[in-house]
């Protein structure tokens, strides 16, 4: 077996666990934001909620221990997922109504 150039493979420590936890926090944040958006804008809120499982799966895939799949392939999948989520976020922003004043934004 050839030694890997990835420092994480030589001494993984808790890096994979921290990465997994970061993806989990991101997933929870998307679910919370999507739920909050449902109060004002249903369609954009549903778009954000629909991306939540996608983010969870991408995070599990990205932080999975190295196996037979090459790492560049994993990075490509994660990159494509993040790009898709960004495009969906732009669509959700365009579908939502923007506030006409700061007072309306802050609900004062």
C-alpha atoms as a PDB file:
ATOM      1  CA  UNK A   1       0.000   0.000   0.000  1.00  0.00           C
ATOM      2  CA  UNK A   2       1.369   3.400  -1.017  1.00  0.00           C
ATOM      3  CA  UNK A   3       1.469   6.228   1.515  1.00  0.00           C
ATOM      4  CA  UNK A   4      -1.092   8.965   0.928  1.00  0.00           C
ATOM      5  CA  UNK A   5      -0.223  12.627   0.415  1.00  0.00           C
ATOM      6  CA  UNK A   6      -3.259  13.664   2.481  1.00  0.00           C
ATOM      7  CA  UNK A   7      -2.162  14.644   6.021  1.00  0.00           C
ATOM      8  CA  UNK A   8      -5.571  13.557   7.325  1.00  0.00           C
ATOM      9  CA  UNK A   9      -4.874   9.983   6.230  1.00  0.00           C
ATOM     10  CA  UNK A  10      -1.509   9.910   8.029  1.00  0.00           C
ATOM     11  CA  UNK A  11      -2.873  11.227  11.341  1.00  0.00           C
ATOM     12  CA  UNK A  12      -6.652  11.641  11.138  1.00  0.00           C
ATOM     13  CA  UNK A  13      -7.128  12.681  14.780  1.00  0.00           C
ATOM     14  CA  UNK A  14     -10.535  14.236  15.182  1.00  0.00           C
ATOM     15  CA  UNK A  15     -10.592  16.057  11.835  1.00  0.00           C
ATOM     16  CA  UNK A  16     -13.175  13.733  10.298  1.00  0.00           C
ATOM     17  CA  UNK A  17     -15.380  14.012  13.375  1.00  0.00           C
ATOM     18  CA  UNK A  18     -15.167  17.821  13.300  1.00  0.00           C
ATOM     19  CA  UNK A  19     -16.038  17.794   9.593  1.00  0.00           C
ATOM     20  CA  UNK A  20     -19.010  15.506  10.209  1.00  0.00           C
ATOM     21  CA  UNK A  21     -20.221  17.768  13.032  1.00  0.00           C
ATOM     22  CA  UNK A  22     -19.855  20.865  10.836  1.00  0.00           C
ATOM     23  CA  UNK A  23     -21.993  19.276   8.111  1.00  0.00           C
ATOM     24  CA  UNK A  24     -24.566  18.266  10.734  1.00  0.00           C
ATOM     25  CA  UNK A  25     -24.722  21.842  12.074  1.00  0.00           C
ATOM     26  CA  UNK A  26     -25.164  23.123   8.523  1.00  0.00           C
ATOM     27  CA  UNK A  27     -28.003  20.665   7.934  1.00  0.00           C
ATOM     28  CA  UNK A  28     -29.749  21.720  11.141  1.00  0.00           C
ATOM     29  CA  UNK A  29     -29.303  25.386  10.232  1.00  0.00           C
ATOM     30  CA  UNK A  30     -30.869  24.849   6.786  1.00  0.00           C
ATOM     31  CA  UNK A  31     -33.812  23.020   8.362  1.00  0.00           C
ATOM     32  CA  UNK A  32     -34.338  25.825  10.893  1.00  0.00           C
ATOM     33  CA  UNK A  33     -34.097  28.574   8.281  1.00  0.00           C
ATOM     34  CA  UNK A  34     -36.448  26.688   5.963  1.00  0.00           C
ATOM     35  CA  UNK A  35     -38.986  26.239   8.759  1.00  0.00           C
ATOM     36  CA  UNK A  36     -38.758  29.925   9.662  1.00  0.00           C
ATOM     37  CA  UNK A  37     -39.178  30.910   6.012  1.00  0.00           C
ATOM     38  CA  UNK A  38     -42.409  28.909   5.808  1.00  0.00           C
ATOM     39  CA  UNK A  39     -44.101  31.494   8.034  1.00  0.00           C
ATOM     40  CA  UNK A  40     -43.714  34.248   5.423  1.00  0.00           C
ATOM     41  CA  UNK A  41     -42.928  32.601   2.090  1.00  0.00           C
ATOM     42  CA  UNK A  42     -44.083  29.030   1.492  1.00  0.00           C
ATOM     43  CA  UNK A  43     -42.361  28.219  -1.828  1.00  0.00           C
ATOM     44  CA  UNK A  44     -38.876  29.505  -0.914  1.00  0.00           C
ATOM     45  CA  UNK A  45     -39.207  27.839   2.503  1.00  0.00           C
ATOM     46  CA  UNK A  46     -40.040  24.523   0.859  1.00  0.00           C
ATOM     47  CA  UNK A  47     -37.061  24.895  -1.486  1.00  0.00           C
ATOM     48  CA  UNK A  48     -34.739  25.391   1.496  1.00  0.00           C
ATOM     49  CA  UNK A  49     -36.312  22.472   3.364  1.00  0.00           C
ATOM     50  CA  UNK A  50     -35.975  20.283   0.260  1.00  0.00           C
ATOM     51  CA  UNK A  51     -32.221  20.955   0.147  1.00  0.00           C
ATOM     52  CA  UNK A  52     -31.761  19.869   3.775  1.00  0.00           C
ATOM     53  CA  UNK A  53     -31.550  16.099   3.065  1.00  0.00           C
ATOM     54  CA  UNK A  54     -29.259  16.818   0.112  1.00  0.00           C
ATOM     55  CA  UNK A  55     -26.858  18.696   2.385  1.00  0.00           C
ATOM     56  CA  UNK A  56     -26.983  15.903   4.964  1.00  0.00           C
ATOM     57  CA  UNK A  57     -26.147  13.226   2.382  1.00  0.00           C
ATOM     58  CA  UNK A  58     -23.360  15.345   0.875  1.00  0.00           C
ATOM     59  CA  UNK A  59     -21.869  15.865   4.327  1.00  0.00           C
ATOM     60  CA  UNK A  60     -21.936  12.162   5.130  1.00  0.00           C
ATOM     61  CA  UNK A  61     -20.393  11.413   1.758  1.00  0.00           C
ATOM     62  CA  UNK A  62     -17.668  14.046   2.215  1.00  0.00           C
ATOM     63  CA  UNK A  63     -16.690  12.944   5.725  1.00  0.00           C
ATOM     64  CA  UNK A  64     -16.864   9.199   5.078  1.00  0.00           C
ATOM     65  CA  UNK A  65     -13.637   7.299   5.744  1.00  0.00           C
ATOM     66  CA  UNK A  66     -11.608   6.733   2.581  1.00  0.00           C
ATOM     67  CA  UNK A  67     -12.515   3.557   0.801  1.00  0.00           C
ATOM     68  CA  UNK A  68     -12.222   2.360  -2.741  1.00  0.00           C
ATOM     69  CA  UNK A  69     -13.618   5.573  -4.236  1.00  0.00           C
ATOM     70  CA  UNK A  70     -10.990   8.152  -5.207  1.00  0.00           C
ATOM     71  CA  UNK A  71     -11.014  11.361  -3.184  1.00  0.00           C
ATOM     72  CA  UNK A  72     -11.277  13.691  -6.233  1.00  0.00           C
ATOM     73  CA  UNK A  73     -14.571  11.961  -7.091  1.00  0.00           C
ATOM     74  CA  UNK A  74     -15.896  12.704  -3.626  1.00  0.00           C
ATOM     75  CA  UNK A  75     -14.850  16.325  -3.888  1.00  0.00           C
ATOM     76  CA  UNK A  76     -16.597  16.606  -7.247  1.00  0.00           C
ATOM     77  CA  UNK A  77     -19.861  15.306  -5.755  1.00  0.00           C
ATOM     78  CA  UNK A  78     -19.631  17.695  -2.798  1.00  0.00           C
ATOM     79  CA  UNK A  79     -18.787  20.609  -5.110  1.00  0.00           C
ATOM     80  CA  UNK A  80     -21.731  19.810  -7.369  1.00  0.00           C
ATOM     81  CA  UNK A  81     -24.049  19.563  -4.355  1.00  0.00           C
ATOM     82  CA  UNK A  82     -22.912  22.885  -2.896  1.00  0.00           C
ATOM     83  CA  UNK A  83     -23.321  24.532  -6.317  1.00  0.00           C
ATOM     84  CA  UNK A  84     -26.829  23.099  -6.661  1.00  0.00           C
ATOM     85  CA  UNK A  85     -27.775  24.370  -3.192  1.00  0.00           C
ATOM     86  CA  UNK A  86     -26.440  27.827  -4.104  1.00  0.00           C
ATOM     87  CA  UNK A  87     -28.505  27.893  -7.301  1.00  0.00           C
ATOM     88  CA  UNK A  88     -31.603  26.822  -5.363  1.00  0.00           C
ATOM     89  CA  UNK A  89     -30.908  29.579  -2.818  1.00  0.00           C
ATOM     90  CA  UNK A  90     -30.820  32.172  -5.598  1.00  0.00           C
ATOM     91  CA  UNK A  91     -34.105  30.826  -6.957  1.00  0.00           C
ATOM     92  CA  UNK A  92     -35.647  30.965  -3.477  1.00  0.00           C
ATOM     93  CA  UNK A  93     -34.428  34.554  -3.052  1.00  0.00           C
ATOM     94  CA  UNK A  94     -35.888  35.585  -6.402  1.00  0.00           C
ATOM     95  CA  UNK A  95     -39.244  33.960  -5.619  1.00  0.00           C
ATOM     96  CA  UNK A  96     -39.550  35.635  -2.233  1.00  0.00           C
ATOM     97  CA  UNK A  97     -40.895  39.106  -1.644  1.00  0.00           C
ATOM     98  CA  UNK A  98     -38.339  41.626  -0.541  1.00  0.00           C
ATOM     99  CA  UNK A  99     -39.221  44.068   2.218  1.00  0.00           C
ATOM    100  CA  UNK A 100     -39.871  47.643   1.136  1.00  0.00           C
ATOM    101  CA  UNK A 101     -38.431  49.122   4.318  1.00  0.00           C
ATOM    102  CA  UNK A 102     -36.270  48.252   7.298  1.00  0.00           C
ATOM    103  CA  UNK A 103     -39.358  48.475   9.493  1.00  0.00           C
ATOM    104  CA  UNK A 104     -41.070  45.764   7.414  1.00  0.00           C
ATOM    105  CA  UNK A 105     -37.947  43.613   7.535  1.00  0.00           C
ATOM    106  CA  UNK A 106     -37.707  43.853  11.316  1.00  0.00           C
ATOM    107  CA  UNK A 107     -41.482  43.487  11.809  1.00  0.00           C
ATOM    108  CA  UNK A 108     -41.664  46.653  13.931  1.00  0.00           C
END
